[in-house]
Amino acid sequence: MERFPIVVSLLAVFFGLYTAFSLKANPLQERGVLCPNNYSVCPSGYTCCRMPSGEYGCCPLPNATCCKGGRYCCPENYVCSAAGCLSGSVVATVMKKIAVVPSASEDV
């Protein structure tokens, strides 16, 4: 009878490990943010935005607002303007986007 709690505990640990590994996130998501073209990847915490070329670039902000023209982006809940990023009377500096990293084809 004393072995029963140990067996139950071992089964619980095994089930917990199995669940953790079986529900593991997509490797692309672990490396970063997969852009809507399902090919380009931005670093984690960045936002995919279109560049002037039409390809995706990475804004170095999470949930950023992508500005028209494709060169800049603003923090979440800010509006792009000629003066910078606006949120009420607060003006923030626009952020320049960086290039994306193409994902490996077998990961897509």
PDB file of N, CA and C in Angstrom:
ATOM      1  N   MET A   1       0.811  -1.202   0.000  1.00  0.00           N
ATOM      2  CA  MET A   1       0.000   0.000   0.000  1.00  0.00           C
ATOM      3  C   MET A   1       0.852   1.262   0.000  1.00  0.00           C
ATOM      4  N   GLU A   2       2.058   1.222   0.580  1.00  0.00           N
ATOM      5  CA  GLU A   2       2.892   2.406   0.626  1.00  0.00           C
ATOM      6  C   GLU A   2       3.428   2.763  -0.756  1.00  0.00           C
ATOM      7  N   ARG A   3       3.486   1.810  -1.684  1.00  0.00           N
ATOM      8  CA  ARG A   3       4.001   2.077  -3.021  1.00  0.00           C
ATOM      9  C   ARG A   3       2.985   2.820  -3.890  1.00  0.00           C
ATOM     10  N   PHE A   4       1.722   2.708  -3.559  1.00  0.00           N
ATOM     11  CA  PHE A   4       0.686   3.344  -4.383  1.00  0.00           C
ATOM     12  C   PHE A   4       0.880   4.852  -4.533  1.00  0.00           C
ATOM     13  N   PRO A   5       1.116   5.623  -3.459  1.00  0.00           N
ATOM     14  CA  PRO A   5       1.331   7.065  -3.627  1.00  0.00           C
ATOM     15  C   PRO A   5       2.566   7.374  -4.493  1.00  0.00           C
ATOM     16  N   ILE A   6       3.614   6.561  -4.389  1.00  0.00           N
ATOM     17  CA  ILE A   6       4.817   6.785  -5.193  1.00  0.00           C
ATOM     18  C   ILE A   6       4.514   6.558  -6.661  1.00  0.00           C
ATOM     19  N   VAL A   7       3.783   5.487  -6.979  1.00  0.00           N
ATOM     20  CA  VAL A   7       3.427   5.194  -8.362  1.00  0.00           C
ATOM     21  C   VAL A   7       2.550   6.310  -8.923  1.00  0.00           C
ATOM     22  N   VAL A   8       1.596   6.766  -8.153  1.00  0.00           N
ATOM     23  CA  VAL A   8       0.717   7.843  -8.597  1.00  0.00           C
ATOM     24  C   VAL A   8       1.534   9.108  -8.832  1.00  0.00           C
ATOM     25  N   SER A   9       2.477   9.398  -7.929  1.00  0.00           N
ATOM     26  CA  SER A   9       3.327  10.582  -8.086  1.00  0.00           C
ATOM     27  C   SER A   9       4.182  10.484  -9.339  1.00  0.00           C
ATOM     28  N   LEU A  10       4.764   9.301  -9.594  1.00  0.00           N
ATOM     29  CA  LEU A  10       5.586   9.112 -10.789  1.00  0.00           C
ATOM     30  C   LEU A  10       4.746   9.252 -12.053  1.00  0.00           C
ATOM     31  N   LEU A  11       3.532   8.709 -12.036  1.00  0.00           N
ATOM     32  CA  LEU A  11       2.648   8.856 -13.191  1.00  0.00           C
ATOM     33  C   LEU A  11       2.284  10.318 -13.425  1.00  0.00           C
ATOM     34  N   ALA A  12       2.050  11.046 -12.366  1.00  0.00           N
ATOM     35  CA  ALA A  12       1.713  12.465 -12.496  1.00  0.00           C
ATOM     36  C   ALA A  12       2.880  13.251 -13.089  1.00  0.00           C
ATOM     37  N   VAL A  13       4.107  12.941 -12.632  1.00  0.00           N
ATOM     38  CA  VAL A  13       5.295  13.612 -13.176  1.00  0.00           C
ATOM     39  C   VAL A  13       5.453  13.257 -14.645  1.00  0.00           C
ATOM     40  N   PHE A  14       5.317  11.974 -14.990  1.00  0.00           N
ATOM     41  CA  PHE A  14       5.455  11.538 -16.380  1.00  0.00           C
ATOM     42  C   PHE A  14       4.402  12.219 -17.257  1.00  0.00           C
ATOM     43  N   PHE A  15       3.164  12.248 -16.798  1.00  0.00           N
ATOM     44  CA  PHE A  15       2.091  12.872 -17.574  1.00  0.00           C
ATOM     45  C   PHE A  15       2.353  14.358 -17.746  1.00  0.00           C
ATOM     46  N   GLY A  16       2.840  15.032 -16.708  1.00  0.00           N
ATOM     47  CA  GLY A  16       3.154  16.450 -16.794  1.00  0.00           C
ATOM     48  C   GLY A  16       4.257  16.722 -17.805  1.00  0.00           C
ATOM     49  N   LEU A  17       5.311  15.909 -17.793  1.00  0.00           N
ATOM     50  CA  LEU A  17       6.394  16.071 -18.765  1.00  0.00           C
ATOM     51  C   LEU A  17       5.909  15.785 -20.177  1.00  0.00           C
ATOM     52  N   TYR A  18       5.122  14.722 -20.327  1.00  0.00           N
ATOM     53  CA  TYR A  18       4.593  14.372 -21.646  1.00  0.00           C
ATOM     54  C   TYR A  18       3.730  15.509 -22.187  1.00  0.00           C
ATOM     55  N   THR A  19       2.877  16.049 -21.355  1.00  0.00           N
ATOM     56  CA  THR A  19       2.006  17.143 -21.775  1.00  0.00           C
ATOM     57  C   THR A  19       2.821  18.371 -22.152  1.00  0.00           C
ATOM     58  N   ALA A  20       3.825  18.695 -21.355  1.00  0.00           N
ATOM     59  CA  ALA A  20       4.655  19.868 -21.632  1.00  0.00           C
ATOM     60  C   ALA A  20       5.350  19.731 -22.982  1.00  0.00           C
ATOM     61  N   PHE A  21       5.887  18.550 -23.281  1.00  0.00           N
ATOM     62  CA  PHE A  21       6.584  18.363 -24.551  1.00  0.00           C
ATOM     63  C   PHE A  21       5.627  18.235 -25.729  1.00  0.00           C
ATOM     64  N   SER A  22       4.487  17.633 -25.533  1.00  0.00           N
ATOM     65  CA  SER A  22       3.552  17.453 -26.644  1.00  0.00           C
ATOM     66  C   SER A  22       2.846  18.751 -27.007  1.00  0.00           C
ATOM     67  N   LEU A  23       2.723  19.687 -26.069  1.00  0.00           N
ATOM     68  CA  LEU A  23       2.076  20.976 -26.337  1.00  0.00           C
ATOM     69  C   LEU A  23       3.091  22.066 -26.642  1.00  0.00           C
ATOM     70  N   LYS A  24       4.340  21.675 -26.863  1.00  0.00           N
ATOM     71  CA  LYS A  24       5.401  22.631 -27.150  1.00  0.00           C
ATOM     72  C   LYS A  24       5.026  23.493 -28.348  1.00  0.00           C
ATOM     73  N   ALA A  25       5.335  24.784 -28.277  1.00  0.00           N
ATOM     74  CA  ALA A  25       4.989  25.732 -29.343  1.00  0.00           C
ATOM     75  C   ALA A  25       5.736  25.417 -30.631  1.00  0.00           C
ATOM     76  N   ASN A  26       5.193  25.901 -31.722  1.00  0.00           N
ATOM     77  CA  ASN A  26       5.815  25.803 -33.029  1.00  0.00           C
ATOM     78  C   ASN A  26       7.223  26.392 -32.949  1.00  0.00           C
ATOM     79  N   PRO A  27       8.249  25.710 -33.503  1.00  0.00           N
ATOM     80  CA  PRO A  27       9.617  26.226 -33.441  1.00  0.00           C
ATOM     81  C   PRO A  27       9.751  27.632 -34.025  1.00  0.00           C
ATOM     82  N   LEU A  28       8.962  27.996 -35.036  1.00  0.00           N
ATOM     83  CA  LEU A  28       9.019  29.346 -35.587  1.00  0.00           C
ATOM     84  C   LEU A  28       8.590  30.367 -34.553  1.00  0.00           C
ATOM     85  N   GLN A  29       7.567  30.029 -33.772  1.00  0.00           N
ATOM     86  CA  GLN A  29       7.085  30.957 -32.763  1.00  0.00           C
ATOM     87  C   GLN A  29       8.108  31.126 -31.653  1.00  0.00           C
ATOM     88  N   GLU A  30       8.894  30.087 -31.365  1.00  0.00           N
ATOM     89  CA  GLU A  30       9.919  30.191 -30.341  1.00  0.00           C
ATOM     90  C   GLU A  30      11.042  31.108 -30.802  1.00  0.00           C
ATOM     91  N   ARG A  31      11.332  31.085 -32.111  1.00  0.00           N
ATOM     92  CA  ARG A  31      12.400  31.912 -32.651  1.00  0.00           C
ATOM     93  C   ARG A  31      11.958  33.351 -32.841  1.00  0.00           C
ATOM     94  N   GLY A  32      10.691  33.577 -32.995  1.00  0.00           N
ATOM     95  CA  GLY A  32      10.215  34.923 -33.231  1.00  0.00           C
ATOM     96  C   GLY A  32       8.794  34.940 -33.748  1.00  0.00           C
ATOM     97  N   VAL A  33       8.476  36.020 -34.458  1.00  0.00           N
ATOM     98  CA  VAL A  33       7.131  36.253 -34.968  1.00  0.00           C
ATOM     99  C   VAL A  33       7.089  35.903 -36.448  1.00  0.00           C
ATOM    100  N   LEU A  34       6.210  34.986 -36.813  1.00  0.00           N
ATOM    101  CA  LEU A  34       6.040  34.621 -38.215  1.00  0.00           C
ATOM    102  C   LEU A  34       5.148  35.663 -38.872  1.00  0.00           C
ATOM    103  N   CYS A  35       5.635  36.268 -39.959  1.00  0.00           N
ATOM    104  CA  CYS A  35       4.887  37.314 -40.659  1.00  0.00           C
ATOM    105  C   CYS A  35       3.755  36.706 -41.483  1.00  0.00           C
ATOM    106  N   PRO A  36       2.773  37.526 -41.877  1.00  0.00           N
ATOM    107  CA  PRO A  36       1.612  37.028 -42.616  1.00  0.00           C
ATOM    108  C   PRO A  36       1.929  36.322 -43.935  1.00  0.00           C
ATOM    109  N   ASN A  37       3.125  36.525 -44.499  1.00  0.00           N
ATOM    110  CA  ASN A  37       3.462  35.817 -45.732  1.00  0.00           C
ATOM    111  C   ASN A  37       3.888  34.369 -45.463  1.00  0.00           C
ATOM    112  N   ASN A  38       3.892  33.967 -44.185  1.00  0.00           N
ATOM    113  CA  ASN A  38       4.266  32.616 -43.752  1.00  0.00           C
ATOM    114  C   ASN A  38       5.668  32.221 -44.185  1.00  0.00           C
ATOM    115  N   TYR A  39       6.534  33.217 -44.379  1.00  0.00           N
ATOM    116  CA  TYR A  39       7.903  32.945 -44.794  1.00  0.00           C
ATOM    117  C   TYR A  39       8.897  33.750 -43.966  1.00  0.00           C
ATOM    118  N   SER A  40       8.583  34.986 -43.720  1.00  0.00           N
ATOM    119  CA  SER A  40       9.491  35.884 -43.014  1.00  0.00           C
ATOM    120  C   SER A  40       9.278  35.793 -41.514  1.00  0.00           C
ATOM    121  N   VAL A  41      10.368  35.959 -40.761  1.00  0.00           N
ATOM    122  CA  VAL A  41      10.309  35.878 -39.302  1.00  0.00           C
ATOM    123  C   VAL A  41      10.979  37.101 -38.702  1.00  0.00           C
ATOM    124  N   CYS A  42      10.300  37.716 -37.752  1.00  0.00           N
ATOM    125  CA  CYS A  42      10.872  38.829 -36.996  1.00  0.00           C
ATOM    126  C   CYS A  42      11.240  38.324 -35.602  1.00  0.00           C
ATOM    127  N   PRO A  43      12.209  38.973 -34.951  1.00  0.00           N
ATOM    128  CA  PRO A  43      12.564  38.558 -33.589  1.00  0.00           C
ATOM    129  C   PRO A  43      11.361  38.661 -32.645  1.00  0.00           C
ATOM    130  N   SER A  44      11.373  37.878 -31.621  1.00  0.00           N
ATOM    131  CA  SER A  44      10.318  37.906 -30.616  1.00  0.00           C
ATOM    132  C   SER A  44      10.205  39.315 -30.037  1.00  0.00           C
ATOM    133  N   GLY A  45       8.991  39.810 -29.884  1.00  0.00           N
ATOM    134  CA  GLY A  45       8.765  41.141 -29.348  1.00  0.00           C
ATOM    135  C   GLY A  45       8.733  42.226 -30.418  1.00  0.00           C
ATOM    136  N   TYR A  46       8.922  41.842 -31.678  1.00  0.00           N
ATOM    137  CA  TYR A  46       8.865  42.781 -32.801  1.00  0.00           C
ATOM    138  C   TYR A  46       7.529  42.604 -33.516  1.00  0.00           C
ATOM    139  N   THR A  47       7.230  43.500 -34.441  1.00  0.00           N
ATOM    140  CA  THR A  47       5.995  43.439 -35.221  1.00  0.00           C
ATOM    141  C   THR A  47       6.347  43.402 -36.702  1.00  0.00           C
ATOM    142  N   CYS A  48       5.696  42.516 -37.457  1.00  0.00           N
ATOM    143  CA  CYS A  48       5.874  42.456 -38.912  1.00  0.00           C
ATOM    144  C   CYS A  48       5.125  43.626 -39.545  1.00  0.00           C
ATOM    145  N   CYS A  49       5.811  44.387 -40.396  1.00  0.00           N
ATOM    146  CA  CYS A  49       5.211  45.495 -41.130  1.00  0.00           C
ATOM    147  C   CYS A  49       5.732  45.469 -42.561  1.00  0.00           C
ATOM    148  N   ARG A  50       4.911  45.893 -43.487  1.00  0.00           N
ATOM    149  CA  ARG A  50       5.346  45.966 -44.889  1.00  0.00           C
ATOM    150  C   ARG A  50       6.371  47.090 -45.062  1.00  0.00           C
ATOM    151  N   MET A  51       7.357  46.816 -45.910  1.00  0.00           N
ATOM    152  CA  MET A  51       8.387  47.786 -46.269  1.00  0.00           C
ATOM    153  C   MET A  51       7.965  48.477 -47.568  1.00  0.00           C
ATOM    154  N   PRO A  52       8.663  49.530 -47.998  1.00  0.00           N
ATOM    155  CA  PRO A  52       8.320  50.185 -49.262  1.00  0.00           C
ATOM    156  C   PRO A  52       8.334  49.229 -50.452  1.00  0.00           C
ATOM    157  N   SER A  53       9.166  48.184 -50.382  1.00  0.00           N
ATOM    158  CA  SER A  53       9.260  47.203 -51.471  1.00  0.00           C
ATOM    159  C   SER A  53       8.050  46.278 -51.532  1.00  0.00           C
ATOM    160  N   GLY A  54       7.235  46.274 -50.475  1.00  0.00           N
ATOM    161  CA  GLY A  54       6.108  45.349 -50.394  1.00  0.00           C
ATOM    162  C   GLY A  54       6.428  44.108 -49.582  1.00  0.00           C
ATOM    163  N   GLU A  55       7.711  43.845 -49.363  1.00  0.00           N
ATOM    164  CA  GLU A  55       8.130  42.737 -48.511  1.00  0.00           C
ATOM    165  C   GLU A  55       7.927  43.136 -47.047  1.00  0.00           C
ATOM    166  N   TYR A  56       8.073  42.155 -46.146  1.00  0.00           N
ATOM    167  CA  TYR A  56       7.916  42.462 -44.726  1.00  0.00           C
ATOM    168  C   TYR A  56       9.227  42.896 -44.106  1.00  0.00           C
ATOM    169  N   GLY A  57       9.113  43.792 -43.142  1.00  0.00           N
ATOM    170  CA  GLY A  57      10.224  44.217 -42.307  1.00  0.00           C
ATOM    171  C   GLY A  57       9.794  44.063 -40.862  1.00  0.00           C
ATOM    172  N   CYS A  58      10.710  44.308 -39.946  1.00  0.00           N
ATOM    173  CA  CYS A  58      10.425  44.104 -38.528  1.00  0.00           C
ATOM    174  C   CYS A  58      10.520  45.420 -37.774  1.00  0.00           C
ATOM    175  N   CYS A  59       9.452  45.782 -37.126  1.00  0.00           N
ATOM    176  CA  CYS A  59       9.428  46.958 -36.267  1.00  0.00           C
ATOM    177  C   CYS A  59       9.875  46.511 -34.875  1.00  0.00           C
ATOM    178  N   PRO A  60      10.849  47.206 -34.278  1.00  0.00           N
ATOM    179  CA  PRO A  60      11.382  46.760 -32.983  1.00  0.00           C
ATOM    180  C   PRO A  60      10.486  47.092 -31.790  1.00  0.00           C
ATOM    181  N   LEU A  61       9.182  46.906 -31.970  1.00  0.00           N
ATOM    182  CA  LEU A  61       8.198  47.144 -30.911  1.00  0.00           C
ATOM    183  C   LEU A  61       7.130  46.059 -30.972  1.00  0.00           C
ATOM    184  N   PRO A  62       6.622  45.605 -29.845  1.00  0.00           N
ATOM    185  CA  PRO A  62       5.518  44.629 -29.874  1.00  0.00           C
ATOM    186  C   PRO A  62       4.201  45.325 -30.234  1.00  0.00           C
ATOM    187  N   ASN A  63       3.376  44.681 -31.030  1.00  0.00           N
ATOM    188  CA  ASN A  63       2.049  45.187 -31.409  1.00  0.00           C
ATOM    189  C   ASN A  63       2.099  46.615 -31.952  1.00  0.00           C
ATOM    190  N   ALA A  64       3.109  46.910 -32.749  1.00  0.00           N
ATOM    191  CA  ALA A  64       3.317  48.263 -33.259  1.00  0.00           C
ATOM    192  C   ALA A  64       2.271  48.659 -34.292  1.00  0.00           C
ATOM    193  N   THR A  65       2.169  49.962 -34.511  1.00  0.00           N
ATOM    194  CA  THR A  65       1.373  50.521 -35.595  1.00  0.00           C
ATOM    195  C   THR A  65       2.315  50.702 -36.776  1.00  0.00           C
ATOM    196  N   CYS A  66       2.001  50.093 -37.904  1.00  0.00           N
ATOM    197  CA  CYS A  66       2.826  50.210 -39.104  1.00  0.00           C
ATOM    198  C   CYS A  66       2.414  51.467 -39.854  1.00  0.00           C
ATOM    199  N   CYS A  67       3.381  52.345 -40.130  1.00  0.00           N
ATOM    200  CA  CYS A  67       3.089  53.614 -40.810  1.00  0.00           C
ATOM    201  C   CYS A  67       3.037  53.427 -42.320  1.00  0.00           C
ATOM    202  N   LYS A  68       2.185  54.234 -42.974  1.00  0.00           N
ATOM    203  CA  LYS A  68       2.110  54.215 -44.433  1.00  0.00           C
ATOM    204  C   LYS A  68       3.460  54.636 -44.991  1.00  0.00           C
ATOM    205  N   GLY A  69       3.790  54.133 -46.143  1.00  0.00           N
ATOM    206  CA  GLY A  69       5.083  54.429 -46.739  1.00  0.00           C
ATOM    207  C   GLY A  69       6.079  53.326 -46.475  1.00  0.00           C
ATOM    208  N   GLY A  70       5.857  52.567 -45.403  1.00  0.00           N
ATOM    209  CA  GLY A  70       6.645  51.375 -45.150  1.00  0.00           C
ATOM    210  C   GLY A  70       7.999  51.534 -44.507  1.00  0.00           C
ATOM    211  N   ARG A  71       8.399  52.733 -44.144  1.00  0.00           N
ATOM    212  CA  ARG A  71       9.732  52.895 -43.558  1.00  0.00           C
ATOM    213  C   ARG A  71       9.722  52.903 -42.027  1.00  0.00           C
ATOM    214  N   TYR A  72       8.630  53.372 -41.431  1.00  0.00           N
ATOM    215  CA  TYR A  72       8.601  53.582 -39.992  1.00  0.00           C
ATOM    216  C   TYR A  72       7.422  52.881 -39.335  1.00  0.00           C
ATOM    217  N   CYS A  73       7.479  52.849 -38.003  1.00  0.00           N
ATOM    218  CA  CYS A  73       6.389  52.288 -37.206  1.00  0.00           C
ATOM    219  C   CYS A  73       6.340  53.042 -35.886  1.00  0.00           C
ATOM    220  N   CYS A  74       5.225  52.928 -35.207  1.00  0.00           N
ATOM    221  CA  CYS A  74       5.002  53.614 -33.933  1.00  0.00           C
ATOM    222  C   CYS A  74       4.596  52.603 -32.869  1.00  0.00           C
ATOM    223  N   PRO A  75       4.747  52.982 -31.593  1.00  0.00           N
ATOM    224  CA  PRO A  75       4.294  52.100 -30.518  1.00  0.00           C
ATOM    225  C   PRO A  75       2.796  51.808 -30.626  1.00  0.00           C
ATOM    226  N   GLU A  76       2.372  50.748 -30.005  1.00  0.00           N
ATOM    227  CA  GLU A  76       0.959  50.366 -29.972  1.00  0.00           C
ATOM    228  C   GLU A  76       0.113  51.537 -29.469  1.00  0.00           C
ATOM    229  N   ASN A  77      -1.043  51.717 -30.087  1.00  0.00           N
ATOM    230  CA  ASN A  77      -2.005  52.768 -29.739  1.00  0.00           C
ATOM    231  C   ASN A  77      -1.534  54.184 -30.081  1.00  0.00           C
ATOM    232  N   TYR A  78      -0.476  54.306 -30.869  1.00  0.00           N
ATOM    233  CA  TYR A  78      -0.036  55.608 -31.375  1.00  0.00           C
ATOM    234  C   TYR A  78      -0.434  55.703 -32.838  1.00  0.00           C
ATOM    235  N   VAL A  79      -0.554  56.923 -33.331  1.00  0.00           N
ATOM    236  CA  VAL A  79      -0.906  57.176 -34.720  1.00  0.00           C
ATOM    237  C   VAL A  79       0.320  57.771 -35.413  1.00  0.00           C
ATOM    238  N   CYS A  80       0.588  57.297 -36.618  1.00  0.00           N
ATOM    239  CA  CYS A  80       1.708  57.831 -37.398  1.00  0.00           C
ATOM    240  C   CYS A  80       1.336  59.203 -37.951  1.00  0.00           C
ATOM    241  N   SER A  81       2.267  60.158 -37.842  1.00  0.00           N
ATOM    242  CA  SER A  81       2.043  61.487 -38.412  1.00  0.00           C
ATOM    243  C   SER A  81       3.378  62.042 -38.878  1.00  0.00           C
ATOM    244  N   ALA A  82       3.338  63.171 -39.588  1.00  0.00           N
ATOM    245  CA  ALA A  82       4.572  63.826 -40.043  1.00  0.00           C
ATOM    246  C   ALA A  82       5.410  64.294 -38.854  1.00  0.00           C
ATOM    247  N   ALA A  83       4.768  64.550 -37.721  1.00  0.00           N
ATOM    248  CA  ALA A  83       5.476  65.021 -36.524  1.00  0.00           C
ATOM    249  C   ALA A  83       6.092  63.876 -35.722  1.00  0.00           C
ATOM    250  N   GLY A  84       5.691  62.673 -36.000  1.00  0.00           N
ATOM    251  CA  GLY A  84       6.158  61.505 -35.248  1.00  0.00           C
ATOM    252  C   GLY A  84       4.979  60.619 -34.901  1.00  0.00           C
ATOM    253  N   CYS A  85       5.094  59.920 -33.817  1.00  0.00           N
ATOM    254  CA  CYS A  85       4.021  59.034 -33.347  1.00  0.00           C
ATOM    255  C   CYS A  85       3.191  59.794 -32.314  1.00  0.00           C
ATOM    256  N   LEU A  86       1.900  59.851 -32.535  1.00  0.00           N
ATOM    257  CA  LEU A  86       1.028  60.640 -31.662  1.00  0.00           C
ATOM    258  C   LEU A  86       0.067  59.757 -30.871  1.00  0.00           C
ATOM    259  N   SER A  87      -0.089  60.109 -29.604  1.00  0.00           N
ATOM    260  CA  SER A  87      -1.095  59.496 -28.741  1.00  0.00           C
ATOM    261  C   SER A  87      -1.622  60.620 -27.863  1.00  0.00           C
ATOM    262  N   GLY A  88      -2.749  61.192 -28.272  1.00  0.00           N
ATOM    263  CA  GLY A  88      -3.252  62.383 -27.582  1.00  0.00           C
ATOM    264  C   GLY A  88      -2.278  63.518 -27.814  1.00  0.00           C
ATOM    265  N   SER A  89      -1.768  64.109 -26.740  1.00  0.00           N
ATOM    266  CA  SER A  89      -0.793  65.195 -26.879  1.00  0.00           C
ATOM    267  C   SER A  89       0.648  64.705 -26.769  1.00  0.00           C
ATOM    268  N   VAL A  90       0.822  63.409 -26.618  1.00  0.00           N
ATOM    269  CA  VAL A  90       2.163  62.827 -26.482  1.00  0.00           C
ATOM    270  C   VAL A  90       2.725  62.514 -27.866  1.00  0.00           C
ATOM    271  N   VAL A  91       3.958  62.942 -28.111  1.00  0.00           N
ATOM    272  CA  VAL A  91       4.634  62.668 -29.365  1.00  0.00           C
ATOM    273  C   VAL A  91       5.844  61.781 -29.069  1.00  0.00           C
ATOM    274  N   ALA A  92       5.937  60.674 -29.785  1.00  0.00           N
ATOM    275  CA  ALA A  92       7.074  59.765 -29.644  1.00  0.00           C
ATOM    276  C   ALA A  92       7.817  59.702 -30.967  1.00  0.00           C
ATOM    277  N   THR A  93       9.065  59.317 -30.926  1.00  0.00           N
ATOM    278  CA  THR A  93       9.877  59.191 -32.133  1.00  0.00           C
ATOM    279  C   THR A  93       9.453  57.956 -32.908  1.00  0.00           C
ATOM    280  N   VAL A  94       9.380  58.095 -34.234  1.00  0.00           N
ATOM    281  CA  VAL A  94       9.068  56.930 -35.056  1.00  0.00           C
ATOM    282  C   VAL A  94      10.257  55.980 -35.013  1.00  0.00           C
ATOM    283  N   MET A  95       9.990  54.694 -35.198  1.00  0.00           N
ATOM    284  CA  MET A  95      11.035  53.670 -35.191  1.00  0.00           C
ATOM    285  C   MET A  95      11.274  53.204 -36.617  1.00  0.00           C
ATOM    286  N   LYS A  96      12.525  53.006 -36.971  1.00  0.00           N
ATOM    287  CA  LYS A  96      12.860  52.499 -38.292  1.00  0.00           C
ATOM    288  C   LYS A  96      12.828  50.977 -38.247  1.00  0.00           C
ATOM    289  N   LYS A  97      12.293  50.375 -39.305  1.00  0.00           N
ATOM    290  CA  LYS A  97      12.174  48.918 -39.377  1.00  0.00           C
ATOM    291  C   LYS A  97      13.498  48.285 -39.763  1.00  0.00           C
ATOM    292  N   ILE A  98      13.636  47.001 -39.439  1.00  0.00           N
ATOM    293  CA  ILE A  98      14.811  46.233 -39.838  1.00  0.00           C
ATOM    294  C   ILE A  98      14.364  45.117 -40.771  1.00  0.00           C
ATOM    295  N   ALA A  99      15.298  44.491 -41.449  1.00  0.00           N
ATOM    296  CA  ALA A  99      14.982  43.396 -42.366  1.00  0.00           C
ATOM    297  C   ALA A  99      14.515  42.163 -41.600  1.00  0.00           C
ATOM    298  N   VAL A 100      13.687  41.359 -42.256  1.00  0.00           N
ATOM    299  CA  VAL A 100      13.216  40.102 -41.675  1.00  0.00           C
ATOM    300  C   VAL A 100      14.254  39.013 -41.908  1.00  0.00           C
ATOM    301  N   VAL A 101      14.065  37.894 -41.225  1.00  0.00           N
ATOM    302  CA  VAL A 101      14.882  36.716 -41.437  1.00  0.00           C
ATOM    303  C   VAL A 101      14.017  35.691 -42.148  1.00  0.00           C
ATOM    304  N   PRO A 102      14.414  35.226 -43.339  1.00  0.00           N
ATOM    305  CA  PRO A 102      13.613  34.184 -44.006  1.00  0.00           C
ATOM    306  C   PRO A 102      13.609  32.920 -43.152  1.00  0.00           C
ATOM    307  N   SER A 103      12.461  32.276 -43.039  1.00  0.00           N
ATOM    308  CA  SER A 103      12.386  31.044 -42.279  1.00  0.00           C
ATOM    309  C   SER A 103      12.837  29.894 -43.152  1.00  0.00           C
ATOM    310  N   ALA A 104      13.278  28.804 -42.518  1.00  0.00           N
ATOM    311  CA  ALA A 104      13.664  27.610 -43.266  1.00  0.00           C
ATOM    312  C   ALA A 104      12.409  26.977 -43.846  1.00  0.00           C
ATOM    313  N   SER A 105      12.466  26.529 -45.066  1.00  0.00           N
ATOM    314  CA  SER A 105      11.267  26.024 -45.749  1.00  0.00           C
ATOM    315  C   SER A 105      10.655  24.815 -45.050  1.00  0.00           C
ATOM    316  N   GLU A 106      11.473  23.986 -44.398  1.00  0.00           N
ATOM    317  CA  GLU A 106      10.902  22.820 -43.739  1.00  0.00           C
ATOM    318  C   GLU A 106      10.152  23.184 -42.476  1.00  0.00           C
ATOM    319  N   ASP A 107      10.346  24.405 -41.956  1.00  0.00           N
ATOM    320  CA  ASP A 107       9.655  24.837 -40.740  1.00  0.00           C
ATOM    321  C   ASP A 107       8.311  25.442 -41.041  1.00  0.00           C
ATOM    322  N   VAL A 108       8.039  25.790 -42.289  1.00  0.00           N
ATOM    323  CA  VAL A 108       6.802  26.493 -42.629  1.00  0.00           C
ATOM    324  C   VAL A 108       5.681  25.527 -42.821  1.00  0.00           C
TER     325      VAL A 108
END
